[in-house]
């Protein structure tokens, strides 16, 4: 069976001079995939770096129950002592990381609509107070919070908050400036690309096409000028004048048809009627 490579990639390594020395636990059968001497040293090194038995076992690709079983084997006295010393070193590393985060905060990405626009630094006041209460219990009460601080502690906390606030505002201004610069670069690139495309289209036009466009513009200007809608003129807002009424014609009277007989029919309007 082929062992996987070491997974220790994100630890803060302890100096080799600080690692505890020990005699590896003797094994009855030296298997290449078992607890070899080199794997035992790598385990103690990973334990000192991480302070976690689970992470150390994962780093050497061995099971956690197997590590505890190895610790109980005969001849593991120095191995157990190195185990405890490595845990103490791991706790110190964890304390250093906690102090680093409490003083300098952590970077958090700024994401909007699925896109990352930068990052900002956040601070954990609770973590800071926890460290202060444990590192200087004589100065910081167990109750926690600003109520348990004396005058000097309150002044120190206010000073730290002011520093953090200034750093955060400076970081926010920097992120905003970088975002504006990025938007400006993108807009300039888009405008340049658009101008190049328009220039390429203009270069493809023949002289006949250019003359046709010029003639069409001239005709358009002429029609707008006739309608009073030239480039320097506005449409008239006056109401149109009313047209004169159309004269009406009386309907023509229908003439009565004459009866085709030999005798003429006289009417009252006829002259010479008696």
Protein backbone atom coordinates (compact mmCIF):
# COMPACT_ATOMS: atom_id res chain seq x y z
CA UNK A 1 0.00 0.00 0.00
CA UNK A 2 1.37 3.43 -0.99
CA UNK A 3 1.25 6.12 1.67
CA UNK A 4 -0.04 9.56 0.83
CA UNK A 5 2.19 12.57 1.07
CA UNK A 6 2.47 14.68 4.21
CA UNK A 7 -0.60 16.90 4.61
CA UNK A 8 1.13 19.47 6.82
CA UNK A 9 0.88 22.59 4.71
CA UNK A 10 -0.73 25.25 6.88
CA UNK A 11 1.08 24.92 10.22
CA UNK A 12 3.41 27.36 11.91
CA UNK A 13 6.56 25.20 12.29
CA UNK A 14 8.43 25.01 15.58
CA UNK A 15 12.19 25.46 15.44
CA UNK A 16 14.13 22.19 15.31
CA UNK A 17 16.15 23.23 18.36
CA UNK A 18 12.95 23.46 20.43
CA UNK A 19 11.66 20.00 19.54
CA UNK A 20 11.94 17.43 22.36
CA UNK A 21 14.40 14.61 21.90
CA UNK A 22 13.34 11.00 22.53
CA UNK A 23 14.14 7.43 21.70
CA UNK A 24 11.69 5.94 19.18
CA UNK A 25 9.51 3.13 20.48
CA UNK A 26 11.02 -0.21 19.39
CA UNK A 27 8.82 -2.24 17.06
CA UNK A 28 8.77 -6.00 16.63
CA UNK A 29 8.13 -5.71 12.90
CA UNK A 30 9.47 -2.72 11.00
CA UNK A 31 6.75 -2.22 8.38
CA UNK A 32 7.11 0.59 5.87
CA UNK A 33 3.50 1.63 6.49
CA UNK A 34 3.70 1.34 10.30
CA UNK A 35 5.12 3.47 13.10
CA UNK A 36 8.66 3.67 11.83
CA UNK A 37 11.28 5.76 13.64
CA UNK A 38 11.01 8.55 11.07
CA UNK A 39 7.22 8.54 11.27
CA UNK A 40 7.39 8.80 15.08
CA UNK A 41 9.69 11.84 14.79
CA UNK A 42 7.38 13.40 12.20
CA UNK A 43 4.42 12.80 14.54
CA UNK A 44 6.13 14.58 17.46
CA UNK A 45 7.10 17.43 15.14
CA UNK A 46 3.54 17.80 13.83
CA UNK A 47 2.17 17.60 17.38
CA UNK A 48 4.47 20.44 18.44
CA UNK A 49 3.38 22.50 15.41
CA UNK A 50 -0.36 22.01 15.77
CA UNK A 51 -1.02 21.06 19.41
CA UNK A 52 -3.59 18.53 18.15
CA UNK A 53 -3.22 14.76 18.20
CA UNK A 54 -5.79 14.38 15.46
CA UNK A 55 -3.97 16.85 13.17
CA UNK A 56 -0.61 15.21 13.90
CA UNK A 57 -1.96 11.75 13.04
CA UNK A 58 -3.45 13.10 9.86
CA UNK A 59 -0.12 14.69 8.98
CA UNK A 60 1.70 11.35 9.13
CA UNK A 61 -1.26 9.46 7.65
CA UNK A 62 -1.77 7.25 10.71
CA UNK A 63 -4.81 6.56 12.87
CA UNK A 64 -5.36 8.28 16.19
CA UNK A 65 -6.06 5.02 18.11
CA UNK A 66 -2.78 3.64 16.74
CA UNK A 67 -0.92 6.64 18.20
CA UNK A 68 -2.39 6.05 21.67
CA UNK A 69 -1.62 2.34 21.40
CA UNK A 70 2.00 3.17 20.50
CA UNK A 71 2.16 5.41 23.57
CA UNK A 72 1.27 2.45 25.83
CA UNK A 73 3.91 0.12 24.41
CA UNK A 74 6.93 -0.97 26.51
CA UNK A 75 9.91 1.27 26.03
CA UNK A 76 7.74 4.33 25.21
CA UNK A 77 8.77 6.36 28.27
CA UNK A 78 10.76 8.97 26.36
CA UNK A 79 8.11 8.97 23.62
CA UNK A 80 5.42 9.85 26.18
CA UNK A 81 7.59 12.62 27.61
CA UNK A 82 8.20 14.00 24.13
CA UNK A 83 4.45 13.77 23.47
CA UNK A 84 3.68 15.95 26.52
CA UNK A 85 6.44 18.43 25.66
CA UNK A 86 5.16 18.69 22.10
CA UNK A 87 1.63 19.41 23.40
CA UNK A 88 3.04 22.22 25.55
CA UNK A 89 4.79 23.69 22.52
CA UNK A 90 1.57 23.36 20.50
CA UNK A 91 -0.37 25.26 23.14
CA UNK A 92 2.19 28.04 22.94
CA UNK A 93 1.76 28.17 19.16
CA UNK A 94 -2.01 28.38 19.59
CA UNK A 95 -1.56 31.18 22.12
CA UNK A 96 0.70 33.04 19.71
CA UNK A 97 -1.86 32.70 16.92
CA UNK A 98 -4.65 33.90 19.23
CA UNK A 99 -2.56 36.89 20.29
CA UNK A 100 -1.76 37.70 16.68
CA UNK A 101 -5.45 37.65 15.76
CA UNK A 102 -6.42 39.67 18.80
CA UNK A 103 -3.88 42.41 18.07
CA UNK A 104 -3.92 42.53 14.28
CA UNK A 105 -7.28 40.99 13.39
CA UNK A 106 -8.00 38.78 10.41
CA UNK A 107 -8.64 39.52 6.75
CA UNK A 108 -12.21 38.92 5.60
CA UNK A 109 -13.11 39.11 1.88
CA UNK A 110 -15.66 41.69 0.74
CA UNK A 111 -18.10 39.94 -1.59
CA UNK A 112 -21.04 41.54 -3.38
CA UNK A 113 -23.31 39.82 -5.92
CA UNK A 114 -20.98 36.85 -6.08
CA UNK A 115 -17.85 38.90 -6.85
CA UNK A 116 -14.93 39.73 -4.60
CA UNK A 117 -14.08 43.43 -4.46
CA UNK A 118 -11.35 43.35 -1.81
CA UNK A 119 -11.04 42.56 1.87
CA UNK A 120 -11.36 44.20 5.25
CA UNK A 121 -9.77 43.54 8.63
CA UNK A 122 -11.96 42.68 11.61
CA UNK A 123 -11.01 42.46 15.28
CA UNK A 124 -12.32 40.31 18.11
CA UNK A 125 -12.59 42.21 21.39
CA UNK A 126 -13.74 39.10 23.24
CA UNK A 127 -10.60 37.23 22.23
CA UNK A 128 -8.46 40.15 23.36
CA UNK A 129 -10.17 40.34 26.77
CA UNK A 130 -9.85 36.56 27.21
CA UNK A 131 -6.10 36.73 26.60
CA UNK A 132 -5.70 39.72 28.91
CA UNK A 133 -7.61 37.99 31.72
CA UNK A 134 -5.46 34.88 31.40
CA UNK A 135 -2.09 36.59 30.85
CA UNK A 136 -2.58 39.29 33.53
CA UNK A 137 -5.22 38.06 35.98
CA UNK A 138 -3.99 40.50 38.66
CA UNK A 139 -4.91 43.47 36.46
CA UNK A 140 -8.05 42.17 34.71
CA UNK A 141 -10.97 40.83 36.69
CA UNK A 142 -12.59 37.48 35.99
CA UNK A 143 -15.93 39.10 35.24
CA UNK A 144 -14.73 40.21 31.84
CA UNK A 145 -15.74 43.25 29.89
CA UNK A 146 -14.94 46.87 30.63
CA UNK A 147 -16.49 46.59 34.11
CA UNK A 148 -13.57 44.47 35.35
CA UNK A 149 -10.88 46.88 34.09
CA UNK A 150 -9.12 49.42 36.19
CA UNK A 151 -8.32 52.91 34.97
CA UNK A 152 -5.10 51.85 33.25
CA UNK A 153 -6.79 48.88 31.59
CA UNK A 154 -9.62 51.05 30.31
CA UNK A 155 -7.18 53.56 28.85
CA UNK A 156 -5.23 50.76 27.18
CA UNK A 157 -8.37 49.25 25.72
CA UNK A 158 -9.55 52.61 24.38
CA UNK A 159 -6.13 53.20 22.83
CA UNK A 160 -6.22 49.80 21.13
CA UNK A 161 -9.73 50.42 19.83
CA UNK A 162 -8.64 53.77 18.41
CA UNK A 163 -5.68 52.15 16.66
CA UNK A 164 -7.88 49.39 15.27
CA UNK A 165 -10.41 51.94 14.07
CA UNK A 166 -7.73 53.95 12.26
CA UNK A 167 -6.31 50.82 10.64
CA UNK A 168 -9.76 49.68 9.57
CA UNK A 169 -10.63 53.08 8.06
CA UNK A 170 -7.30 53.20 6.23
CA UNK A 171 -7.90 49.70 4.88
CA UNK A 172 -11.43 50.59 3.82
CA UNK A 173 -10.20 53.73 2.01
CA UNK A 174 -7.55 51.66 0.28
CA UNK A 175 -10.11 49.07 -0.86
CA UNK A 176 -12.44 51.83 -2.11
CA UNK A 177 -9.61 53.50 -4.04
CA UNK A 178 -8.61 50.18 -5.61
CA UNK A 179 -12.23 49.50 -6.58
CA UNK A 180 -12.57 52.95 -8.20
CA UNK A 181 -9.30 52.48 -10.07
CA UNK A 182 -10.47 49.07 -11.29
CA UNK A 183 -13.78 50.50 -12.52
CA UNK A 184 -11.95 53.33 -14.30
CA UNK A 185 -9.59 50.91 -16.04
CA UNK A 186 -12.48 48.72 -17.16
CA UNK A 187 -14.46 51.71 -18.46
CA UNK A 188 -11.45 53.09 -20.36
CA UNK A 189 -10.80 49.69 -21.89
CA UNK A 190 -14.44 49.36 -22.93
CA UNK A 191 -14.49 52.86 -24.45
CA UNK A 192 -11.25 52.22 -26.32
CA UNK A 193 -12.58 48.93 -27.65
CA UNK A 194 -15.80 50.62 -28.76
CA UNK A 195 -13.90 53.39 -30.54
CA UNK A 196 -11.69 50.86 -32.31
CA UNK A 197 -14.74 48.89 -33.48
CA UNK A 198 -16.40 52.05 -34.78
CA UNK A 199 -13.19 53.07 -36.56
CA UNK A 200 -12.95 49.62 -38.13
CA UNK A 201 -16.55 49.86 -39.33
CA UNK A 202 -15.90 53.33 -40.76
CA UNK A 203 -12.81 52.09 -42.59
CA UNK A 204 -14.81 49.33 -44.29
CA UNK A 205 -17.22 51.78 -45.94
CA UNK A 206 -16.69 52.52 -49.64
CA UNK A 207 -16.81 55.97 -51.15
CA UNK A 208 -20.20 55.21 -52.68
CA UNK A 209 -21.59 54.32 -49.27
CA UNK A 210 -20.16 57.50 -47.73
CA UNK A 211 -21.77 59.63 -50.43
CA UNK A 212 -25.08 57.84 -49.89
CA UNK A 213 -24.94 58.56 -46.15
CA UNK A 214 -24.07 62.21 -46.80
CA UNK A 215 -26.94 62.55 -49.28
CA UNK A 216 -29.35 60.96 -46.79
CA UNK A 217 -28.26 63.40 -44.07
CA UNK A 218 -28.74 66.33 -46.43
CA UNK A 219 -32.24 65.18 -47.32
CA UNK A 220 -33.09 64.71 -43.67
CA UNK A 221 -31.87 68.22 -42.80
CA UNK A 222 -33.90 69.68 -45.67
CA UNK A 223 -37.11 67.96 -44.57
CA UNK A 224 -36.62 69.02 -40.94
CA UNK A 225 -35.97 72.61 -42.00
CA UNK A 226 -39.21 72.65 -44.01
CA UNK A 227 -41.12 71.36 -41.00
CA UNK A 228 -39.49 73.91 -38.69
CA UNK A 229 -37.67 71.15 -36.79
CA UNK A 230 -34.12 71.95 -37.74
CA UNK A 231 -31.20 71.32 -35.38
CA UNK A 232 -31.50 74.84 -33.89
CA UNK A 233 -35.27 75.00 -33.96
CA UNK A 234 -37.92 73.54 -31.76
CA UNK A 235 -41.33 72.26 -32.61
CA UNK A 236 -44.01 74.95 -32.41
CA UNK A 237 -46.14 74.70 -29.30
CA UNK A 238 -48.89 77.00 -30.62
CA UNK A 239 -52.28 75.51 -31.25
CA UNK A 240 -53.11 75.14 -34.92
CA UNK A 241 -55.51 77.74 -36.31
CA UNK A 242 -59.03 76.59 -36.97
CA UNK A 243 -59.91 76.19 -40.64
CA UNK A 244 -62.95 78.10 -42.07
CA UNK A 245 -66.18 76.12 -42.07
CA UNK A 246 -66.94 74.19 -45.18
CA UNK A 247 -70.01 75.65 -46.99
CA UNK A 248 -72.99 73.35 -47.06
CA UNK A 249 -75.14 72.81 -50.13
CA UNK A 250 -78.87 72.36 -50.01
CA UNK A 251 -80.04 69.08 -51.37
CA UNK A 252 -81.45 69.35 -54.86
CA UNK A 253 -85.14 68.76 -55.28
CA UNK A 254 -86.07 65.88 -57.35
CA UNK A 255 -88.14 66.87 -60.36
CA UNK A 256 -91.37 65.09 -60.83
CA UNK A 257 -91.32 62.96 -63.88
CA UNK A 258 -93.55 64.06 -66.71
CA UNK A 259 -96.28 61.75 -67.75
CA UNK A 260 -95.82 60.81 -71.34
CA UNK A 261 -99.36 61.39 -72.57
CA UNK A 262 -100.81 63.49 -75.21
CA UNK A 263 -102.32 65.91 -72.69
CA UNK A 264 -99.93 68.28 -70.93
CA UNK A 265 -100.31 68.54 -67.18
CA UNK A 266 -100.26 72.11 -65.99
CA UNK A 267 -99.09 73.15 -62.61
CA UNK A 268 -99.81 76.19 -60.47
CA UNK A 269 -96.37 77.64 -61.20
CA UNK A 270 -96.76 77.43 -64.92
CA UNK A 271 -97.32 80.73 -66.70
CA UNK A 272 -100.46 81.37 -68.47
CA UNK A 273 -102.52 79.19 -66.24
CA UNK A 274 -106.05 80.30 -65.96
